[in-house]
């Protein structure tokens, strides 16, 4: 498998874990699973999930970084990661939170992000 594809897969997996670590506890709270947890328990729970995020994020950056023989510059890696983060977040929020709505300005912002990816890969 190419370094580019592996990097992208790892970034996607990493961001799924990150999204659950950062926002999953809100869904758990709204469904009553963790509504009586103290804040430190929620933080520890989120850190436990975030450990798996780092297990994919760090290798993604090491594999993908051109300084290590990968195909991407540092800026390209960061912009890709941010776009993947937002795509994963939108999917998660639409599935997990019924009151989430996508408005025209959100779509326009996503189009600007796609433009950012295009621009960052220009030679």
PDB file of N, CA and C in Angstrom:
ATOM      1  N   UNK A   1       0.854  -1.174   0.000  1.00  0.00           N
ATOM      2  CA  UNK A   1       0.000   0.000   0.000  1.00  0.00           C
ATOM      3  C   UNK A   1       0.898   1.235   0.000  1.00  0.00           C
ATOM      4  N   UNK A   2       0.517   2.226  -0.771  1.00  0.00           N
ATOM      5  CA  UNK A   2       1.352   3.423  -0.878  1.00  0.00           C
ATOM      6  C   UNK A   2       1.310   4.233   0.414  1.00  0.00           C
ATOM      7  N   UNK A   3       2.368   4.991   0.628  1.00  0.00           N
ATOM      8  CA  UNK A   3       2.458   5.837   1.823  1.00  0.00           C
ATOM      9  C   UNK A   3       1.327   6.871   1.846  1.00  0.00           C
ATOM     10  N   UNK A   4       0.943   7.374   0.673  1.00  0.00           N
ATOM     11  CA  UNK A   4      -0.126   8.380   0.614  1.00  0.00           C
ATOM     12  C   UNK A   4      -1.454   7.788   1.076  1.00  0.00           C
ATOM     13  N   UNK A   5      -1.795   6.622   0.557  1.00  0.00           N
ATOM     14  CA  UNK A   5      -3.070   5.984   0.924  1.00  0.00           C
ATOM     15  C   UNK A   5      -3.063   5.598   2.398  1.00  0.00           C
ATOM     16  N   UNK A   6      -1.965   5.020   2.862  1.00  0.00           N
ATOM     17  CA  UNK A   6      -1.868   4.623   4.267  1.00  0.00           C
ATOM     18  C   UNK A   6      -1.978   5.842   5.179  1.00  0.00           C
ATOM     19  N   UNK A   7      -1.342   6.927   4.811  1.00  0.00           N
ATOM     20  CA  UNK A   7      -1.428   8.163   5.592  1.00  0.00           C
ATOM     21  C   UNK A   7      -2.868   8.640   5.696  1.00  0.00           C
ATOM     22  N   UNK A   8      -3.575   8.662   4.580  1.00  0.00           N
ATOM     23  CA  UNK A   8      -4.969   9.123   4.576  1.00  0.00           C
ATOM     24  C   UNK A   8      -5.852   8.204   5.408  1.00  0.00           C
ATOM     25  N   UNK A   9      -5.672   6.892   5.271  1.00  0.00           N
ATOM     26  CA  UNK A   9      -6.460   5.939   6.072  1.00  0.00           C
ATOM     27  C   UNK A   9      -6.202   6.161   7.556  1.00  0.00           C
ATOM     28  N   UNK A  10      -4.928   6.290   7.938  1.00  0.00           N
ATOM     29  CA  UNK A  10      -4.591   6.519   9.339  1.00  0.00           C
ATOM     30  C   UNK A  10      -5.163   7.845   9.844  1.00  0.00           C
ATOM     31  N   UNK A  11      -5.150   8.869   9.011  1.00  0.00           N
ATOM     32  CA  UNK A  11      -5.728  10.153   9.416  1.00  0.00           C
ATOM     33  C   UNK A  11      -7.237  10.033   9.639  1.00  0.00           C
ATOM     34  N   UNK A  12      -7.904   9.279   8.794  1.00  0.00           N
ATOM     35  CA  UNK A  12      -9.347   9.081   8.963  1.00  0.00           C
ATOM     36  C   UNK A  12      -9.633   8.332  10.263  1.00  0.00           C
ATOM     37  N   UNK A  13      -8.931   7.226  10.475  1.00  0.00           N
ATOM     38  CA  UNK A  13      -9.142   6.435  11.699  1.00  0.00           C
ATOM     39  C   UNK A  13      -8.825   7.287  12.934  1.00  0.00           C
ATOM     40  N   UNK A  14      -7.726   8.006  12.881  1.00  0.00           N
ATOM     41  CA  UNK A  14      -7.340   8.874  13.987  1.00  0.00           C
ATOM     42  C   UNK A  14      -8.440   9.881  14.309  1.00  0.00           C
ATOM     43  N   UNK A  15      -9.010  10.469  13.273  1.00  0.00           N
ATOM     44  CA  UNK A  15     -10.035  11.493  13.491  1.00  0.00           C
ATOM     45  C   UNK A  15     -11.357  10.921  13.958  1.00  0.00           C
ATOM     46  N   UNK A  16     -11.640   9.683  13.626  1.00  0.00           N
ATOM     47  CA  UNK A  16     -12.830   9.034  14.194  1.00  0.00           C
ATOM     48  C   UNK A  16     -12.659   8.908  15.706  1.00  0.00           C
ATOM     49  N   UNK A  17     -11.485   8.421  16.138  1.00  0.00           N
ATOM     50  CA  UNK A  17     -11.235   8.329  17.579  1.00  0.00           C
ATOM     51  C   UNK A  17     -11.243   9.704  18.237  1.00  0.00           C
ATOM     52  N   UNK A  18     -10.636  10.694  17.588  1.00  0.00           N
ATOM     53  CA  UNK A  18     -10.590  12.032  18.145  1.00  0.00           C
ATOM     54  C   UNK A  18     -12.001  12.602  18.329  1.00  0.00           C
ATOM     55  N   UNK A  19     -12.835  12.412  17.326  1.00  0.00           N
ATOM     56  CA  UNK A  19     -14.197  12.933  17.408  1.00  0.00           C
ATOM     57  C   UNK A  19     -14.963  12.275  18.549  1.00  0.00           C
ATOM     58  N   UNK A  20     -14.804  10.960  18.710  1.00  0.00           N
ATOM     59  CA  UNK A  20     -15.462  10.289  19.832  1.00  0.00           C
ATOM     60  C   UNK A  20     -14.886  10.756  21.170  1.00  0.00           C
ATOM     61  N   UNK A  21     -13.587  11.000  21.223  1.00  0.00           N
ATOM     62  CA  UNK A  21     -12.977  11.472  22.469  1.00  0.00           C
ATOM     63  C   UNK A  21     -13.463  12.869  22.827  1.00  0.00           C
ATOM     64  N   UNK A  22     -13.564  13.741  21.825  1.00  0.00           N
ATOM     65  CA  UNK A  22     -13.929  15.123  22.089  1.00  0.00           C
ATOM     66  C   UNK A  22     -15.429  15.339  22.252  1.00  0.00           C
ATOM     67  N   UNK A  23     -16.242  14.578  21.500  1.00  0.00           N
ATOM     68  CA  UNK A  23     -17.685  14.860  21.466  1.00  0.00           C
ATOM     69  C   UNK A  23     -18.567  13.682  21.864  1.00  0.00           C
ATOM     70  N   UNK A  24     -18.009  12.491  21.928  1.00  0.00           N
ATOM     71  CA  UNK A  24     -18.795  11.313  22.283  1.00  0.00           C
ATOM     72  C   UNK A  24     -19.397  11.393  23.666  1.00  0.00           C
ATOM     73  N   UNK A  25     -18.662  12.006  24.596  1.00  0.00           N
ATOM     74  CA  UNK A  25     -19.194  12.132  25.957  1.00  0.00           C
ATOM     75  C   UNK A  25     -20.442  13.002  25.994  1.00  0.00           C
ATOM     76  N   UNK A  26     -20.583  13.930  25.039  1.00  0.00           N
ATOM     77  CA  UNK A  26     -21.801  14.743  24.996  1.00  0.00           C
ATOM     78  C   UNK A  26     -23.003  13.894  24.619  1.00  0.00           C
ATOM     79  N   UNK A  27     -22.793  12.971  23.680  1.00  0.00           N
ATOM     80  CA  UNK A  27     -23.872  12.058  23.303  1.00  0.00           C
ATOM     81  C   UNK A  27     -24.191  11.118  24.464  1.00  0.00           C
ATOM     82  N   UNK A  28     -23.138  10.626  25.123  1.00  0.00           N
ATOM     83  CA  UNK A  28     -23.368   9.746  26.276  1.00  0.00           C
ATOM     84  C   UNK A  28     -24.145  10.476  27.365  1.00  0.00           C
ATOM     85  N   UNK A  29     -23.834  11.748  27.572  1.00  0.00           N
ATOM     86  CA  UNK A  29     -24.534  12.534  28.584  1.00  0.00           C
ATOM     87  C   UNK A  29     -25.993  12.745  28.194  1.00  0.00           C
ATOM     88  N   UNK A  30     -26.228  13.098  26.929  1.00  0.00           N
ATOM     89  CA  UNK A  30     -27.604  13.363  26.499  1.00  0.00           C
ATOM     90  C   UNK A  30     -28.454  12.101  26.485  1.00  0.00           C
ATOM     91  N   UNK A  31     -27.810  10.933  26.360  1.00  0.00           N
ATOM     92  CA  UNK A  31     -28.572   9.684  26.390  1.00  0.00           C
ATOM     93  C   UNK A  31     -28.674   9.114  27.807  1.00  0.00           C
ATOM     94  N   UNK A  32     -28.080   9.804  28.783  1.00  0.00           N
ATOM     95  CA  UNK A  32     -28.193   9.399  30.179  1.00  0.00           C
ATOM     96  C   UNK A  32     -27.118   8.429  30.649  1.00  0.00           C
ATOM     97  N   UNK A  33     -26.200   8.043  29.775  1.00  0.00           N
ATOM     98  CA  UNK A  33     -25.170   7.077  30.165  1.00  0.00           C
ATOM     99  C   UNK A  33     -24.131   7.651  31.116  1.00  0.00           C
ATOM    100  N   UNK A  34     -23.813   8.932  30.954  1.00  0.00           N
ATOM    101  CA  UNK A  34     -22.762   9.517  31.786  1.00  0.00           C
ATOM    102  C   UNK A  34     -23.191  10.819  32.434  1.00  0.00           C
ATOM    103  N   UNK A  35     -24.483  11.044  32.549  1.00  0.00           N
ATOM    104  CA  UNK A  35     -24.953  12.338  33.051  1.00  0.00           C
ATOM    105  C   UNK A  35     -24.565  12.582  34.507  1.00  0.00           C
ATOM    106  N   UNK A  36     -24.288  11.523  35.253  1.00  0.00           N
ATOM    107  CA  UNK A  36     -23.902  11.717  36.652  1.00  0.00           C
ATOM    108  C   UNK A  36     -22.407  11.502  36.889  1.00  0.00           C
ATOM    109  N   UNK A  37     -21.634  11.388  35.821  1.00  0.00           N
ATOM    110  CA  UNK A  37     -20.186  11.233  35.975  1.00  0.00           C
ATOM    111  C   UNK A  37     -19.555  12.563  36.400  1.00  0.00           C
ATOM    112  N   UNK A  38     -18.585  12.510  37.299  1.00  0.00           N
ATOM    113  CA  UNK A  38     -17.845  13.743  37.583  1.00  0.00           C
ATOM    114  C   UNK A  38     -16.961  14.106  36.390  1.00  0.00           C
ATOM    115  N   UNK A  39     -16.599  15.373  36.312  1.00  0.00           N
ATOM    116  CA  UNK A  39     -15.828  15.850  35.172  1.00  0.00           C
ATOM    117  C   UNK A  39     -14.518  15.081  34.994  1.00  0.00           C
ATOM    118  N   UNK A  40     -13.831  14.743  36.078  1.00  0.00           N
ATOM    119  CA  UNK A  40     -12.558  14.039  35.937  1.00  0.00           C
ATOM    120  C   UNK A  40     -12.758  12.661  35.308  1.00  0.00           C
ATOM    121  N   UNK A  41     -13.893  12.021  35.555  1.00  0.00           N
ATOM    122  CA  UNK A  41     -14.168  10.719  34.939  1.00  0.00           C
ATOM    123  C   UNK A  41     -14.397  10.875  33.436  1.00  0.00           C
ATOM    124  N   UNK A  42     -15.085  11.932  33.057  1.00  0.00           N
ATOM    125  CA  UNK A  42     -15.306  12.208  31.636  1.00  0.00           C
ATOM    126  C   UNK A  42     -13.968  12.489  30.947  1.00  0.00           C
ATOM    127  N   UNK A  43     -13.106  13.246  31.609  1.00  0.00           N
ATOM    128  CA  UNK A  43     -11.788  13.546  31.048  1.00  0.00           C
ATOM    129  C   UNK A  43     -10.974  12.266  30.891  1.00  0.00           C
ATOM    130  N   UNK A  44     -10.935  11.427  31.899  1.00  0.00           N
ATOM    131  CA  UNK A  44     -10.190  10.165  31.811  1.00  0.00           C
ATOM    132  C   UNK A  44     -10.752   9.260  30.720  1.00  0.00           C
ATOM    133  N   UNK A  45     -12.048   9.204  30.617  1.00  0.00           N
ATOM    134  CA  UNK A  45     -12.690   8.412  29.568  1.00  0.00           C
ATOM    135  C   UNK A  45     -12.267   8.932  28.188  1.00  0.00           C
ATOM    136  N   UNK A  46     -12.309  10.249  28.017  1.00  0.00           N
ATOM    137  CA  UNK A  46     -11.918  10.851  26.741  1.00  0.00           C
ATOM    138  C   UNK A  46     -10.439  10.640  26.451  1.00  0.00           C
ATOM    139  N   UNK A  47      -9.596  10.751  27.449  1.00  0.00           N
ATOM    140  CA  UNK A  47      -8.164  10.500  27.255  1.00  0.00           C
ATOM    141  C   UNK A  47      -7.914   9.059  26.831  1.00  0.00           C
ATOM    142  N   UNK A  48      -8.687   8.143  27.395  1.00  0.00           N
ATOM    143  CA  UNK A  48      -8.545   6.738  27.008  1.00  0.00           C
ATOM    144  C   UNK A  48      -8.831   6.530  25.530  1.00  0.00           C
ATOM    145  N   UNK A  49      -9.844   7.209  25.033  1.00  0.00           N
ATOM    146  CA  UNK A  49     -10.162   7.127  23.602  1.00  0.00           C
ATOM    147  C   UNK A  49      -9.094   7.853  22.795  1.00  0.00           C
ATOM    148  N   UNK A  50      -8.641   8.995  23.295  1.00  0.00           N
ATOM    149  CA  UNK A  50      -7.647   9.792  22.570  1.00  0.00           C
ATOM    150  C   UNK A  50      -6.321   9.053  22.421  1.00  0.00           C
ATOM    151  N   UNK A  51      -6.032   8.125  23.320  1.00  0.00           N
ATOM    152  CA  UNK A  51      -4.817   7.325  23.172  1.00  0.00           C
ATOM    153  C   UNK A  51      -4.819   6.613  21.822  1.00  0.00           C
ATOM    154  N   UNK A  52      -5.969   6.081  21.438  1.00  0.00           N
ATOM    155  CA  UNK A  52      -6.070   5.394  20.146  1.00  0.00           C
ATOM    156  C   UNK A  52      -5.935   6.377  18.983  1.00  0.00           C
ATOM    157  N   UNK A  53      -6.408   7.604  19.204  1.00  0.00           N
ATOM    158  CA  UNK A  53      -6.214   8.630  18.179  1.00  0.00           C
ATOM    159  C   UNK A  53      -4.725   8.831  17.914  1.00  0.00           C
ATOM    160  N   UNK A  54      -3.951   8.958  18.972  1.00  0.00           N
ATOM    161  CA  UNK A  54      -2.510   9.169  18.822  1.00  0.00           C
ATOM    162  C   UNK A  54      -1.823   7.958  18.196  1.00  0.00           C
ATOM    163  N   UNK A  55      -2.351   6.765  18.452  1.00  0.00           N
ATOM    164  CA  UNK A  55      -1.768   5.548  17.867  1.00  0.00           C
ATOM    165  C   UNK A  55      -1.891   5.531  16.345  1.00  0.00           C
ATOM    166  N   UNK A  56      -2.777   6.336  15.796  1.00  0.00           N
ATOM    167  CA  UNK A  56      -2.911   6.450  14.339  1.00  0.00           C
ATOM    168  C   UNK A  56      -2.385   7.784  13.809  1.00  0.00           C
ATOM    169  N   UNK A  57      -2.566   8.860  14.573  1.00  0.00           N
ATOM    170  CA  UNK A  57      -2.140  10.184  14.117  1.00  0.00           C
ATOM    171  C   UNK A  57      -0.627  10.284  13.982  1.00  0.00           C
ATOM    172  N   UNK A  58       0.082   9.825  14.987  1.00  0.00           N
ATOM    173  CA  UNK A  58       1.546   9.920  14.954  1.00  0.00           C
ATOM    174  C   UNK A  58       2.125   9.102  13.797  1.00  0.00           C
ATOM    175  N   UNK A  59       1.722   7.845  13.615  1.00  0.00           N
ATOM    176  CA  UNK A  59       2.237   7.106  12.454  1.00  0.00           C
ATOM    177  C   UNK A  59       1.829   7.730  11.122  1.00  0.00           C
ATOM    178  N   UNK A  60       0.624   8.282  11.044  1.00  0.00           N
ATOM    179  CA  UNK A  60       0.188   8.929   9.799  1.00  0.00           C
ATOM    180  C   UNK A  60       1.145  10.053   9.434  1.00  0.00           C
ATOM    181  N   UNK A  61       1.491  10.875  10.418  1.00  0.00           N
ATOM    182  CA  UNK A  61       2.399  11.987  10.146  1.00  0.00           C
ATOM    183  C   UNK A  61       3.809  11.498   9.823  1.00  0.00           C
ATOM    184  N   UNK A  62       4.269  10.480  10.509  1.00  0.00           N
ATOM    185  CA  UNK A  62       5.614   9.960  10.242  1.00  0.00           C
ATOM    186  C   UNK A  62       5.692   9.316   8.861  1.00  0.00           C
ATOM    187  N   UNK A  63       4.674   8.542   8.501  1.00  0.00           N
ATOM    188  CA  UNK A  63       4.658   7.868   7.201  1.00  0.00           C
ATOM    189  C   UNK A  63       4.485   8.877   6.066  1.00  0.00           C
ATOM    190  N   UNK A  64       3.610   9.857   6.277  1.00  0.00           N
ATOM    191  CA  UNK A  64       3.269  10.789   5.214  1.00  0.00           C
ATOM    192  C   UNK A  64       4.232  11.933   5.008  1.00  0.00           C
ATOM    193  N   UNK A  65       5.027  12.267   6.012  1.00  0.00           N
ATOM    194  CA  UNK A  65       5.889  13.453   5.952  1.00  0.00           C
ATOM    195  C   UNK A  65       7.040  13.243   4.979  1.00  0.00           C
ATOM    196  N   UNK A  66       7.221  14.205   4.086  1.00  0.00           N
ATOM    197  CA  UNK A  66       8.269  14.110   3.073  1.00  0.00           C
ATOM    198  C   UNK A  66       9.668  14.037   3.679  1.00  0.00           C
ATOM    199  N   UNK A  67       9.854  14.578   4.862  1.00  0.00           N
ATOM    200  CA  UNK A  67      11.138  14.493   5.554  1.00  0.00           C
ATOM    201  C   UNK A  67      11.492  13.077   5.967  1.00  0.00           C
ATOM    202  N   UNK A  68      10.489  12.204   5.990  1.00  0.00           N
ATOM    203  CA  UNK A  68      10.695  10.784   6.304  1.00  0.00           C
ATOM    204  C   UNK A  68      10.526   9.909   5.069  1.00  0.00           C
ATOM    205  N   UNK A  69      10.508  10.527   3.900  1.00  0.00           N
ATOM    206  CA  UNK A  69      10.335   9.763   2.664  1.00  0.00           C
ATOM    207  C   UNK A  69       8.899   9.670   2.193  1.00  0.00           C
ATOM    208  N   UNK A  70       7.983  10.326   2.894  1.00  0.00           N
ATOM    209  CA  UNK A  70       6.579  10.309   2.501  1.00  0.00           C
ATOM    210  C   UNK A  70       6.285  11.318   1.408  1.00  0.00           C
ATOM    211  N   UNK A  71       5.055  11.334   0.930  1.00  0.00           N
ATOM    212  CA  UNK A  71       4.708  12.186  -0.208  1.00  0.00           C
ATOM    213  C   UNK A  71       4.226  13.596   0.145  1.00  0.00           C
ATOM    214  N   UNK A  72       4.042  13.917   1.431  1.00  0.00           N
ATOM    215  CA  UNK A  72       3.382  15.162   1.795  1.00  0.00           C
ATOM    216  C   UNK A  72       4.291  16.102   2.581  1.00  0.00           C
ATOM    217  N   UNK A  73       4.133  17.406   2.300  1.00  0.00           N
ATOM    218  CA  UNK A  73       4.808  18.406   3.120  1.00  0.00           C
ATOM    219  C   UNK A  73       4.055  18.519   4.444  1.00  0.00           C
ATOM    220  N   UNK A  74       4.681  19.190   5.389  1.00  0.00           N
ATOM    221  CA  UNK A  74       4.059  19.389   6.689  1.00  0.00           C
ATOM    222  C   UNK A  74       2.739  20.158   6.555  1.00  0.00           C
ATOM    223  N   UNK A  75       2.731  21.181   5.720  1.00  0.00           N
ATOM    224  CA  UNK A  75       1.516  21.978   5.522  1.00  0.00           C
ATOM    225  C   UNK A  75       0.425  21.142   4.862  1.00  0.00           C
ATOM    226  N   UNK A  76       0.779  20.325   3.881  1.00  0.00           N
ATOM    227  CA  UNK A  76      -0.207  19.456   3.236  1.00  0.00           C
ATOM    228  C   UNK A  76      -0.808  18.478   4.240  1.00  0.00           C
ATOM    229  N   UNK A  77       0.025  17.901   5.091  1.00  0.00           N
ATOM    230  CA  UNK A  77      -0.484  16.983   6.117  1.00  0.00           C
ATOM    231  C   UNK A  77      -1.490  17.686   7.025  1.00  0.00           C
ATOM    232  N   UNK A  78      -1.163  18.894   7.441  1.00  0.00           N
ATOM    233  CA  UNK A  78      -2.037  19.621   8.365  1.00  0.00           C
ATOM    234  C   UNK A  78      -3.369  19.987   7.714  1.00  0.00           C
ATOM    235  N   UNK A  79      -3.331  20.471   6.495  1.00  0.00           N
ATOM    236  CA  UNK A  79      -4.569  20.852   5.815  1.00  0.00           C
ATOM    237  C   UNK A  79      -5.435  19.612   5.574  1.00  0.00           C
ATOM    238  N   UNK A  80      -4.825  18.517   5.145  1.00  0.00           N
ATOM    239  CA  UNK A  80      -5.591  17.269   4.962  1.00  0.00           C
ATOM    240  C   UNK A  80      -6.228  16.832   6.273  1.00  0.00           C
ATOM    241  N   UNK A  81      -5.460  16.902   7.352  1.00  0.00           N
ATOM    242  CA  UNK A  81      -5.966  16.484   8.660  1.00  0.00           C
ATOM    243  C   UNK A  81      -7.159  17.333   9.074  1.00  0.00           C
ATOM    244  N   UNK A  82      -7.096  18.622   8.843  1.00  0.00           N
ATOM    245  CA  UNK A  82      -8.194  19.508   9.232  1.00  0.00           C
ATOM    246  C   UNK A  82      -9.458  19.220   8.422  1.00  0.00           C
ATOM    247  N   UNK A  83      -9.301  18.990   7.134  1.00  0.00           N
ATOM    248  CA  UNK A  83     -10.467  18.684   6.299  1.00  0.00           C
ATOM    249  C   UNK A  83     -11.068  17.342   6.713  1.00  0.00           C
ATOM    250  N   UNK A  84     -10.222  16.354   6.942  1.00  0.00           N
ATOM    251  CA  UNK A  84     -10.714  15.048   7.397  1.00  0.00           C
ATOM    252  C   UNK A  84     -11.421  15.200   8.737  1.00  0.00           C
ATOM    253  N   UNK A  85     -10.859  15.994   9.633  1.00  0.00           N
ATOM    254  CA  UNK A  85     -11.489  16.236  10.932  1.00  0.00           C
ATOM    255  C   UNK A  85     -12.895  16.789  10.767  1.00  0.00           C
ATOM    256  N   UNK A  86     -13.054  17.768   9.900  1.00  0.00           N
ATOM    257  CA  UNK A  86     -14.371  18.377   9.718  1.00  0.00           C
ATOM    258  C   UNK A  86     -15.359  17.423   9.048  1.00  0.00           C
ATOM    259  N   UNK A  87     -14.906  16.652   8.088  1.00  0.00           N
ATOM    260  CA  UNK A  87     -15.795  15.680   7.440  1.00  0.00           C
ATOM    261  C   UNK A  87     -16.260  14.629   8.449  1.00  0.00           C
ATOM    262  N   UNK A  88     -15.323  14.096   9.229  1.00  0.00           N
ATOM    263  CA  UNK A  88     -15.680  13.098  10.247  1.00  0.00           C
ATOM    264  C   UNK A  88     -16.623  13.719  11.274  1.00  0.00           C
ATOM    265  N   UNK A  89     -16.338  14.947  11.693  1.00  0.00           N
ATOM    266  CA  UNK A  89     -17.189  15.611  12.674  1.00  0.00           C
ATOM    267  C   UNK A  89     -18.604  15.812  12.151  1.00  0.00           C
ATOM    268  N   UNK A  90     -18.739  16.249  10.915  1.00  0.00           N
ATOM    269  CA  UNK A  90     -20.073  16.481  10.354  1.00  0.00           C
ATOM    270  C   UNK A  90     -20.853  15.173  10.295  1.00  0.00           C
ATOM    271  N   UNK A  91     -20.221  14.112   9.834  1.00  0.00           N
ATOM    272  CA  UNK A  91     -20.895  12.808   9.772  1.00  0.00           C
ATOM    273  C   UNK A  91     -21.315  12.367  11.173  1.00  0.00           C
ATOM    274  N   UNK A  92     -20.398  12.475  12.127  1.00  0.00           N
ATOM    275  CA  UNK A  92     -20.702  12.107  13.509  1.00  0.00           C
ATOM    276  C   UNK A  92     -21.856  12.928  14.066  1.00  0.00           C
ATOM    277  N   UNK A  93     -21.784  14.238  13.895  1.00  0.00           N
ATOM    278  CA  UNK A  93     -22.817  15.092  14.487  1.00  0.00           C
ATOM    279  C   UNK A  93     -24.183  14.860  13.839  1.00  0.00           C
ATOM    280  N   UNK A  94     -24.213  14.597  12.546  1.00  0.00           N
ATOM    281  CA  UNK A  94     -25.494  14.307  11.890  1.00  0.00           C
ATOM    282  C   UNK A  94     -26.078  12.983  12.359  1.00  0.00           C
ATOM    283  N   UNK A  95     -25.218  12.005  12.606  1.00  0.00           N
ATOM    284  CA  UNK A  95     -25.697  10.695  13.058  1.00  0.00           C
ATOM    285  C   UNK A  95     -26.029  10.670  14.545  1.00  0.00           C
ATOM    286  N   UNK A  96     -25.241  11.354  15.356  1.00  0.00           N
ATOM    287  CA  UNK A  96     -25.393  11.252  16.805  1.00  0.00           C
ATOM    288  C   UNK A  96     -26.335  12.290  17.408  1.00  0.00           C
ATOM    289  N   UNK A  97     -26.465  13.444  16.775  1.00  0.00           N
ATOM    290  CA  UNK A  97     -27.280  14.513  17.338  1.00  0.00           C
ATOM    291  C   UNK A  97     -28.368  14.902  16.335  1.00  0.00           C
ATOM    292  N   UNK A  98     -29.580  14.567  16.658  1.00  0.00           N
ATOM    293  CA  UNK A  98     -30.704  14.752  15.744  1.00  0.00           C
ATOM    294  C   UNK A  98     -30.942  16.210  15.357  1.00  0.00           C
ATOM    295  N   UNK A  99     -30.618  17.133  16.228  1.00  0.00           N
ATOM    296  CA  UNK A  99     -30.909  18.542  15.958  1.00  0.00           C
ATOM    297  C   UNK A  99     -29.813  19.253  15.157  1.00  0.00           C
ATOM    298  N   UNK A 100     -28.811  18.511  14.693  1.00  0.00           N
ATOM    299  CA  UNK A 100     -27.757  19.120  13.888  1.00  0.00           C
ATOM    300  C   UNK A 100     -28.284  19.378  12.485  1.00  0.00           C
ATOM    301  N   UNK A 101     -28.070  20.582  12.012  1.00  0.00           N
ATOM    302  CA  UNK A 101     -28.496  20.905  10.652  1.00  0.00           C
ATOM    303  C   UNK A 101     -27.341  21.545   9.896  1.00  0.00           C
ATOM    304  N   UNK A 102     -27.283  21.266   8.615  1.00  0.00           N
ATOM    305  CA  UNK A 102     -26.262  21.856   7.751  1.00  0.00           C
ATOM    306  C   UNK A 102     -26.934  22.991   6.986  1.00  0.00           C
ATOM    307  N   UNK A 103     -26.380  24.187   7.135  1.00  0.00           N
ATOM    308  CA  UNK A 103     -26.942  25.356   6.461  1.00  0.00           C
ATOM    309  C   UNK A 103     -26.038  25.761   5.296  1.00  0.00           C
ATOM    310  N   UNK A 104     -26.492  26.721   4.522  1.00  0.00           N
ATOM    311  CA  UNK A 104     -25.760  27.137   3.325  1.00  0.00           C
ATOM    312  C   UNK A 104     -24.362  27.631   3.662  1.00  0.00           C
ATOM    313  N   UNK A 105     -24.235  28.339   4.791  1.00  0.00           N
ATOM    314  CA  UNK A 105     -22.917  28.870   5.153  1.00  0.00           C
ATOM    315  C   UNK A 105     -21.948  27.749   5.539  1.00  0.00           C
ATOM    316  N   UNK A 106     -22.461  26.651   6.083  1.00  0.00           N
ATOM    317  CA  UNK A 106     -21.613  25.500   6.377  1.00  0.00           C
ATOM    318  C   UNK A 106     -21.105  24.879   5.073  1.00  0.00           C
ATOM    319  N   UNK A 107     -21.993  24.751   4.114  1.00  0.00           N
ATOM    320  CA  UNK A 107     -21.608  24.183   2.823  1.00  0.00           C
ATOM    321  C   UNK A 107     -20.570  25.074   2.146  1.00  0.00           C
ATOM    322  N   UNK A 108     -20.778  26.374   2.210  1.00  0.00           N
ATOM    323  CA  UNK A 108     -19.808  27.299   1.627  1.00  0.00           C
ATOM    324  C   UNK A 108     -18.450  27.170   2.325  1.00  0.00           C
ATOM    325  N   UNK A 109     -18.465  27.040   3.633  1.00  0.00           N
ATOM    326  CA  UNK A 109     -17.211  26.861   4.375  1.00  0.00           C
ATOM    327  C   UNK A 109     -16.505  25.579   3.942  1.00  0.00           C
ATOM    328  N   UNK A 110     -17.258  24.506   3.728  1.00  0.00           N
ATOM    329  CA  UNK A 110     -16.657  23.250   3.267  1.00  0.00           C
ATOM    330  C   UNK A 110     -16.059  23.413   1.876  1.00  0.00           C
ATOM    331  N   UNK A 111     -16.732  24.165   1.029  1.00  0.00           N
ATOM    332  CA  UNK A 111     -16.185  24.409  -0.306  1.00  0.00           C
ATOM    333  C   UNK A 111     -14.869  25.184  -0.223  1.00  0.00           C
ATOM    334  N   UNK A 112     -14.802  26.129   0.715  1.00  0.00           N
ATOM    335  CA  UNK A 112     -13.544  26.857   0.915  1.00  0.00           C
ATOM    336  C   UNK A 112     -12.445  25.921   1.417  1.00  0.00           C
ATOM    337  N   UNK A 113     -12.820  24.963   2.255  1.00  0.00           N
ATOM    338  CA  UNK A 113     -11.829  23.995   2.723  1.00  0.00           C
ATOM    339  C   UNK A 113     -11.321  23.116   1.581  1.00  0.00           C
ATOM    340  N   UNK A 114     -12.218  22.718   0.712  1.00  0.00           N
ATOM    341  CA  UNK A 114     -11.800  21.941  -0.460  1.00  0.00           C
ATOM    342  C   UNK A 114     -10.856  22.793  -1.309  1.00  0.00           C
ATOM    343  N   UNK A 115     -11.182  24.071  -1.445  1.00  0.00           N
ATOM    344  CA  UNK A 115     -10.290  24.974  -2.178  1.00  0.00           C
ATOM    345  C   UNK A 115      -8.936  25.075  -1.488  1.00  0.00           C
ATOM    346  N   UNK A 116      -8.927  25.069  -0.152  1.00  0.00           N
ATOM    347  CA  UNK A 116      -7.667  25.118   0.592  1.00  0.00           C
ATOM    348  C   UNK A 116      -6.821  23.884   0.296  1.00  0.00           C
ATOM    349  N   UNK A 117      -7.449  22.735   0.231  1.00  0.00           N
ATOM    350  CA  UNK A 117      -6.710  21.508  -0.088  1.00  0.00           C
ATOM    351  C   UNK A 117      -6.131  21.622  -1.503  1.00  0.00           C
ATOM    352  N   UNK A 118      -6.937  22.090  -2.429  1.00  0.00           N
ATOM    353  CA  UNK A 118      -6.465  22.265  -3.806  1.00  0.00           C
ATOM    354  C   UNK A 118      -5.246  23.213  -3.835  1.00  0.00           C
ATOM    355  N   UNK A 119      -5.389  24.345  -3.146  1.00  0.00           N
ATOM    356  CA  UNK A 119      -4.318  25.340  -3.172  1.00  0.00           C
ATOM    357  C   UNK A 119      -3.044  24.840  -2.509  1.00  0.00           C
ATOM    358  N   UNK A 120      -3.167  24.092  -1.439  1.00  0.00           N
ATOM    359  CA  UNK A 120      -1.982  23.640  -0.728  1.00  0.00           C
ATOM    360  C   UNK A 120      -1.208  22.577  -1.515  1.00  0.00           C
ATOM    361  N   UNK A 121      -1.894  21.912  -2.449  1.00  0.00           N
ATOM    362  CA  UNK A 121      -1.221  20.906  -3.278  1.00  0.00           C
ATOM    363  C   UNK A 121      -0.731  21.455  -4.601  1.00  0.00           C
ATOM    364  N   UNK A 122      -1.004  22.724  -4.875  1.00  0.00           N
ATOM    365  CA  UNK A 122      -0.517  23.337  -6.115  1.00  0.00           C
ATOM    366  C   UNK A 122       1.009  23.457  -6.064  1.00  0.00           C
ATOM    367  N   UNK A 123       1.609  23.300  -7.202  1.00  0.00           N
ATOM    368  CA  UNK A 123       3.076  23.458  -7.304  1.00  0.00           C
ATOM    369  C   UNK A 123       3.413  24.897  -7.582  1.00  0.00           C
TER     370      UNK A 123
END
